[in-house]
Protein backbone atom coordinates (compact mmCIF):
# COMPACT_ATOMS: atom_id res chain seq x y z
CA MET A 1 75.24 92.91 110.38
CA VAL A 2 77.16 94.64 113.18
CA VAL A 3 74.83 97.64 113.04
CA GLY A 4 71.79 95.36 113.10
CA LEU A 5 73.19 93.47 116.08
CA ILE A 6 73.84 96.68 117.98
CA ILE A 7 70.41 98.15 117.24
CA LEU A 8 68.63 94.92 118.20
CA GLY A 9 70.70 94.57 121.39
CA VAL A 10 70.20 98.17 122.52
CA ILE A 11 66.44 98.09 122.01
CA THR A 12 65.81 94.72 123.62
CA VAL A 13 68.16 95.32 126.56
CA GLY A 14 66.52 98.69 127.18
CA VAL A 15 63.04 97.17 127.12
CA GLU A 16 63.52 93.78 128.77
CA THR A 17 66.07 94.41 131.54
CA ASN A 18 65.47 96.16 134.87
CA VAL A 19 68.33 97.94 136.60
CA ASP A 20 68.34 97.60 140.39
CA LYS A 21 69.55 101.00 141.58
CA SER A 22 70.69 99.55 144.89
CA LEU A 23 73.20 97.40 143.01
CA ILE A 24 74.82 100.43 141.35
CA SER A 25 76.42 101.66 144.57
CA SER A 26 77.02 98.23 146.07
CA SER A 27 78.79 96.91 142.97
CA ASP A 28 81.42 99.71 143.24
CA LEU A 29 81.99 99.48 139.47
CA LEU A 30 81.90 103.25 139.07
CA GLY A 31 84.57 103.79 141.69
CA ALA A 32 88.31 103.96 141.21
CA SER A 33 90.24 100.68 141.25
CA LEU A 34 93.81 99.54 140.85
CA LEU A 35 92.98 97.60 137.65
CA GLY A 36 91.14 100.58 136.18
CA TRP A 37 94.17 102.81 136.50
CA GLN A 38 96.45 100.10 135.19
CA LEU A 39 94.29 99.56 132.11
CA ILE A 40 94.83 103.20 131.11
CA TYR A 41 98.34 102.06 130.18
CA ILE A 42 97.86 98.38 129.39
CA LEU A 43 95.05 98.65 126.84
CA PRO A 44 96.61 101.32 124.56
CA VAL A 45 99.97 99.51 124.54
CA ALA A 46 98.39 96.09 123.95
CA ILE A 47 95.98 97.18 121.22
CA LEU A 48 98.36 99.57 119.41
CA THR A 49 101.23 97.09 119.17
CA ASN A 50 99.00 94.09 118.39
CA ASP A 51 97.40 95.93 115.46
CA PHE A 52 100.75 95.88 113.69
CA PHE A 53 100.31 92.13 113.20
CA ILE A 54 96.78 92.37 111.75
CA SER A 55 96.98 92.08 107.99
CA GLY A 56 93.64 93.82 107.49
CA PHE A 57 95.02 97.12 108.77
CA TRP A 58 98.00 96.98 106.42
CA MET A 59 95.82 96.01 103.45
CA ARG A 60 93.57 99.00 104.06
CA THR A 61 96.64 101.22 104.41
CA PHE A 62 98.14 100.10 101.13
CA ALA A 63 94.73 100.28 99.41
CA SER A 64 94.40 104.00 100.22
CA LYS A 65 95.15 106.11 97.21
CA THR A 66 96.33 109.13 99.20
CA ASP A 67 97.11 109.97 102.80
CA LYS A 68 93.90 111.99 102.92
CA ASP A 69 91.86 108.92 101.99
CA LEU A 70 93.64 106.94 104.73
CA ILE A 71 92.94 109.63 107.34
CA ILE A 72 89.26 109.83 106.37
CA GLY A 73 88.86 106.04 106.40
CA THR A 74 90.56 105.54 109.74
CA SER A 75 88.62 108.44 111.28
CA ILE A 76 85.28 106.95 110.24
CA ALA A 77 86.39 103.52 111.48
CA THR A 78 87.57 105.00 114.80
CA VAL A 79 84.24 106.67 115.50
CA ALA A 80 82.27 103.54 114.54
CA VAL A 81 84.46 101.20 116.60
CA ALA A 82 84.38 103.55 119.61
CA ILE A 83 80.57 103.60 119.58
CA ILE A 84 80.30 99.82 119.18
CA LEU A 85 82.85 99.05 121.92
CA THR A 86 81.19 101.51 124.29
CA LEU A 87 77.79 99.84 123.83
CA VAL A 88 79.21 96.33 124.11
CA GLY A 89 81.38 97.30 127.09
CA THR A 90 78.42 98.67 129.06
CA SER A 91 76.81 95.24 128.88
CA GLY A 92 79.12 94.22 131.74
CA LEU A 93 77.81 97.09 133.88
CA LEU A 94 74.20 96.25 133.04
CA ALA A 95 74.76 92.59 133.84
CA ALA A 96 76.01 93.54 137.30
CA TRP A 97 73.30 96.11 137.94
CA THR A 98 70.49 93.78 136.84
CA GLY A 99 71.75 90.94 139.04
CA ALA A 100 72.66 88.71 136.09
CA TRP A 101 76.30 88.75 137.16
CA PRO A 102 78.02 87.25 139.13
CA GLY A 103 75.11 84.82 139.46
CA ASP A 104 74.79 81.68 141.56
CA PRO A 105 77.29 80.09 141.47
CA PRO A 106 79.52 83.10 140.70
CA GLN A 107 80.63 83.26 137.06
CA GLU A 108 83.65 84.85 135.37
CA GLY A 109 83.31 88.50 134.41
CA SER A 110 84.32 87.71 130.84
CA ILE A 111 80.93 86.07 130.19
CA ALA A 112 78.85 88.91 131.67
CA PHE A 113 77.43 89.72 128.21
CA PHE A 114 76.08 86.22 127.82
CA LEU A 115 74.62 86.26 131.33
CA LEU A 116 72.80 89.46 130.40
CA LEU A 117 71.68 87.78 127.19
CA GLU A 118 69.86 85.07 129.19
CA GLN A 119 67.41 87.68 130.43
CA LEU A 120 66.22 88.51 126.91
CA PRO A 121 63.45 86.71 124.98
CA ALA A 122 64.34 83.45 123.26
CA TRP A 123 63.88 84.88 119.75
CA VAL A 124 66.34 87.68 120.52
CA VAL A 125 68.86 85.19 121.89
CA GLY A 126 68.55 83.11 118.73
CA ILE A 127 69.12 86.09 116.41
CA VAL A 128 72.07 87.34 118.45
CA ILE A 129 73.69 83.88 118.47
CA VAL A 130 73.30 83.53 114.69
CA MET A 131 74.74 87.01 114.09
CA THR A 132 77.60 86.44 116.54
CA VAL A 133 78.56 83.11 114.97
CA SER A 134 78.39 84.65 111.49
CA LEU A 135 80.63 87.56 112.52
CA SER A 136 83.10 85.24 114.24
CA THR A 137 83.23 82.96 111.19
CA ALA A 138 83.81 85.95 108.90
CA ALA A 139 86.64 87.23 111.08
CA PHE A 140 88.20 83.77 111.39
CA ASP A 141 88.03 83.28 107.62
CA SER A 142 89.90 86.52 106.98
CA LEU A 143 92.55 85.82 109.64
CA GLN A 144 92.97 82.24 108.41
CA SER A 145 93.51 83.35 104.81
CA ALA A 146 95.88 86.11 106.00
CA MET A 147 98.00 83.63 107.99
CA VAL A 148 98.36 81.24 105.07
CA SER A 149 99.09 83.97 102.51
CA THR A 150 101.63 85.59 104.84
CA GLY A 151 103.38 82.24 105.38
CA SER A 152 103.38 81.52 101.64
CA ASN A 153 104.94 84.90 100.89
CA ASP A 154 107.46 85.15 103.73
CA LEU A 155 108.56 81.48 103.89
CA PHE A 156 108.18 80.27 100.30
CA ARG A 157 108.22 83.53 98.32
CA ASN A 158 104.89 82.60 96.67
CA LYS A 159 106.46 79.67 94.88
CA LEU A 160 104.06 77.02 96.25
CA ASN A 161 101.46 75.51 93.99
CA PHE A 162 97.99 77.01 94.36
CA TRP A 163 96.53 73.72 95.55
CA TRP A 164 99.07 73.47 98.37
CA ILE A 165 97.90 76.89 99.55
CA ARG A 166 94.29 75.69 99.58
CA LEU A 167 95.32 72.62 101.50
CA ALA A 168 97.13 74.75 104.07
CA VAL A 169 93.96 76.82 104.57
CA VAL A 170 92.08 73.63 105.43
CA LEU A 171 94.83 72.18 107.67
CA VAL A 172 95.22 75.32 109.76
CA ILE A 173 91.66 74.87 110.98
CA PHE A 174 92.59 71.89 113.14
CA PRO A 175 95.26 73.47 115.42
CA VAL A 176 93.07 76.56 115.77
CA ALA A 177 90.13 74.41 116.86
CA VAL A 178 92.30 72.55 119.37
CA VAL A 179 93.59 75.80 120.86
CA ALA A 180 90.03 77.18 121.09
CA LEU A 181 88.77 74.03 122.86
CA LYS A 182 91.73 73.52 125.22
CA SER A 183 92.44 77.12 126.17
CA PRO A 184 91.10 78.02 129.61
CA SER A 185 90.27 81.55 128.48
CA VAL A 186 90.02 83.36 125.14
CA LEU A 187 91.14 86.50 126.94
CA GLN A 188 94.39 84.77 127.92
CA ILE A 189 95.14 84.00 124.25
CA TYR A 190 94.66 87.68 123.38
CA LEU A 191 96.82 88.77 126.32
CA ILE A 192 99.67 86.44 125.30
CA SER A 193 99.64 87.80 121.75
CA ASP A 194 99.48 91.36 123.15
CA LEU A 195 102.52 90.68 125.33
CA VAL A 196 104.47 89.26 122.36
CA SER A 197 103.63 92.28 120.21
CA ALA A 198 104.44 94.72 123.04
CA SER A 199 107.94 93.23 123.26
CA SER A 200 108.65 93.06 119.51
CA ILE A 201 106.90 96.02 117.88
CA PRO A 202 108.87 98.88 119.59
CA VAL A 203 112.19 97.50 118.26
CA LEU A 204 110.59 96.84 114.86
CA VAL A 205 109.24 100.36 114.27
CA ILE A 206 112.73 101.80 114.75
CA GLY A 207 113.73 100.15 111.49
CA LEU A 208 110.80 101.78 109.67
CA SER A 209 112.42 105.19 110.02
CA ASN A 210 114.80 106.28 107.25
CA LYS A 211 116.97 107.98 109.87
CA CYS A 212 117.62 104.62 111.56
CA TYR A 213 119.13 103.00 108.46
CA TRP A 214 121.76 101.36 110.70
CA TRP A 215 119.09 99.23 112.42
CA ARG A 216 119.12 95.55 111.35
CA GLY A 217 116.93 92.49 111.66
CA PHE A 218 119.33 91.10 114.27
CA GLU A 219 118.30 93.83 116.70
CA VAL A 220 114.59 93.21 116.04
CA VAL A 221 114.85 89.46 116.73
CA VAL A 222 117.01 89.87 119.84
CA GLY A 223 114.87 92.73 121.11
CA GLY A 224 111.62 90.80 120.67
CA LEU A 225 112.92 87.71 122.43
CA GLY A 226 114.67 89.84 125.04
CA GLY A 227 111.41 91.61 125.87
CA LEU A 228 109.78 88.29 126.73
CA LEU A 229 112.84 87.29 128.74
CA THR A 230 112.56 90.59 130.63
CA VAL A 231 108.97 89.70 131.55
CA PHE A 232 110.24 86.39 132.93
CA ILE A 233 112.97 88.15 134.90
CA PHE A 234 110.48 90.69 136.27
CA GLY A 235 108.05 87.93 137.28
CA THR A 236 110.76 85.91 138.97
CA ILE A 237 111.85 88.94 141.02
CA TYR A 238 108.30 90.05 141.75
CA TYR A 239 107.02 86.63 142.89
CA GLY A 240 110.31 85.29 144.23
CA ASN A 241 110.40 82.10 142.16
CA ALA A 242 110.99 81.14 138.53
CA GLN A 243 107.79 79.12 138.11
CA ASP A 244 105.53 82.09 138.76
CA GLY A 245 107.82 84.19 136.56
CA ALA A 246 107.26 81.76 133.70
CA ASN A 247 103.50 81.75 134.36
CA LEU A 248 103.50 85.54 134.08
CA MET A 249 104.75 85.22 130.50
CA LEU A 250 101.53 83.25 129.82
CA LEU A 251 99.49 85.61 132.05
CA GLU A 252 97.98 82.63 133.85
CA GLN A 253 96.17 84.93 136.28
CA SER A 254 94.87 87.18 133.50
CA LEU A 255 94.28 90.83 134.39
CA TYR A 256 91.91 90.23 137.29
CA VAL A 257 94.52 90.22 140.07
CA ASP A 258 94.89 92.77 142.80
CA ASP A 259 98.58 93.40 142.28
CA TRP A 260 101.04 94.93 139.82
CA SER A 261 102.03 91.75 137.98
CA ALA A 262 100.12 92.32 134.71
CA PHE A 263 101.02 96.01 134.64
CA GLY A 264 104.67 95.17 135.27
CA ALA A 265 104.63 92.58 132.47
CA PHE A 266 103.31 95.08 129.90
CA LEU A 267 105.82 97.65 131.14
CA ALA A 268 108.78 95.28 131.13
CA ALA A 269 108.05 93.89 127.63
CA PRO A 270 108.58 97.08 125.55
CA ILE A 271 111.25 98.59 127.77
CA GLY A 272 113.15 95.28 127.97
CA GLY A 273 112.77 94.79 124.22
CA LEU A 274 114.31 98.19 123.51
CA LEU A 275 117.17 97.62 125.98
CA TRP A 276 117.94 94.19 124.49
CA GLY A 277 117.63 95.62 120.99
CA PHE A 278 120.14 98.41 121.61
CA GLY A 279 122.38 95.95 123.43
CA ALA A 280 122.30 93.68 120.37
CA PHE A 281 123.04 96.73 118.19
CA GLY A 282 126.12 97.54 120.25
CA LEU A 283 127.25 93.92 120.16
CA ARG A 284 126.80 93.65 116.38
CA VAL A 285 128.60 96.90 115.66
CA GLY A 286 131.43 95.95 118.05
CA VAL A 287 131.91 92.55 116.40
CA GLN A 288 131.82 94.07 112.92
CA TRP A 289 134.40 96.69 113.96
CA VAL A 290 136.71 94.00 115.35
CA LEU A 291 136.33 91.89 112.20
CA ALA A 292 137.01 94.92 110.01
CA LYS A 293 140.26 95.64 111.90
CA PHE A 294 141.27 91.99 111.94
CA ARG A 295 140.58 91.35 108.24
CA GLY A 296 141.79 94.75 107.09
CA HIS A 297 138.65 95.83 105.26
CA ARG A 298 136.54 98.96 105.62
CA PHE A 299 134.13 99.29 108.58
CA ASP A 300 130.76 99.95 106.93
CA ALA A 301 128.22 99.32 109.69
CA PHE A 302 127.09 102.97 109.59
CA ASP A 303 127.10 103.42 105.82
CA ARG A 304 123.81 104.65 104.46
CA PRO A 305 122.30 102.00 102.09
CA PRO A 306 121.99 102.94 98.42
CA PRO A 307 118.62 104.40 97.38
CA PRO A 308 116.20 101.88 95.88
CA ASP A 309 115.84 101.62 92.15
CA PRO A 310 112.81 103.51 90.78
CA SER A 311 111.38 100.18 89.72
CA PHE A 312 110.97 99.39 93.43
CA PHE A 313 108.12 101.87 93.52
CA VAL A 314 106.60 101.54 90.03
CA GLY A 315 107.74 98.10 88.88
CA ALA A 316 110.06 97.19 86.03
CA ARG A 317 108.17 97.29 82.75
CA GLU A 318 109.25 95.38 79.70
CA ARG A 319 107.47 95.31 76.38
CA GLN A 320 107.08 91.91 74.87
CA SER A 321 107.90 92.88 71.29
CA ASP A 322 107.70 95.73 68.84
CA GLU A 323 104.72 94.10 67.15
CA GLU A 324 102.65 94.56 70.29
CA ASP A 325 103.14 98.33 70.35
CA ARG A 326 99.64 98.70 68.93
CA GLU A 327 98.23 97.20 72.11
CA PRO A 328 100.26 98.43 75.09
CA VAL A 329 100.55 95.19 77.02
CA ALA A 330 103.26 95.31 79.63
CA ASN A 331 104.71 92.71 81.94
CA VAL A 332 105.31 94.19 85.36
CA LYS A 333 108.09 92.59 87.36
CA ALA A 334 108.15 93.39 91.05
CA SER A 335 111.52 94.72 92.11
CA SER A 336 112.88 93.03 95.21
CA MET A 337 114.68 95.00 97.91
CA LYS A 338 115.77 92.88 100.82
CA GLY A 339 116.76 94.20 104.19
CA ARG A 340 119.94 93.18 106.01
CA PHE A 341 119.89 90.90 109.05
CA LEU A 342 123.43 91.71 110.20
């Protein structure tokens, strides 16, 4: 469906739209700009860290049989996504060069694609709308199921009745619909989630390394919250008042501002998160050392954890009975290995 949408869009836009060459130079979209240089840093940080929270990426990672399969799959996906995003992204340029944007009265740049769409024949608009709604519904369905399944696993350890899970899938639609209707900008929702991930992911990936076995969940939580607090502190200093500093955490002015506020927010989030995380690490280790001296027990904050049981990787297998040896039926029990918060 995505390929069909791209082919249909490219052909019809190429045939039905007329680029005014005088608007190319006057729009100044091909020239250097402050936001353009800032996005060289903001977009990679925002997208890379936010992808850690997308369940689909992890499912595809775990579904890969070997590292080679994962590399091949991600390489193909990277090329396909790069082509699609390039074609969709140029719709903003075409909208400006054909006179569809900014329009009269001036419209937001985020809807430039739809302004360009108005210049196409009605039958093309109808097909594009149907395809776009179908793709959005498919993406929402996957994210909705992923949210509920993640909550069921992390909060209730998959002990909820199956019908409660189905009910949760239905109920989660309502707050999502309210947010979609009340939010002033979809881009702002994405930017807020990107800012949260930029503050929490750097301190989280430290714990994924076997060499950083001394890293705990306490540092991850403090670092993530501390990164957001650092954005607030930066905004308060940058603007000179706490209200604007709080608004920067919500990116009320989005990216389309002629200053360094958005860039500073995405720079302060990961750096502040790491500083708060290491500060929390030092505090935790110091408290544990004092408690060890006070209580007279061994200080073990830097002890390497014991290696996981082999069943952690292959599962613990138990045969039901000797009579079933003719048919090798095995019950596989998942081995649990919990991390430490402190």
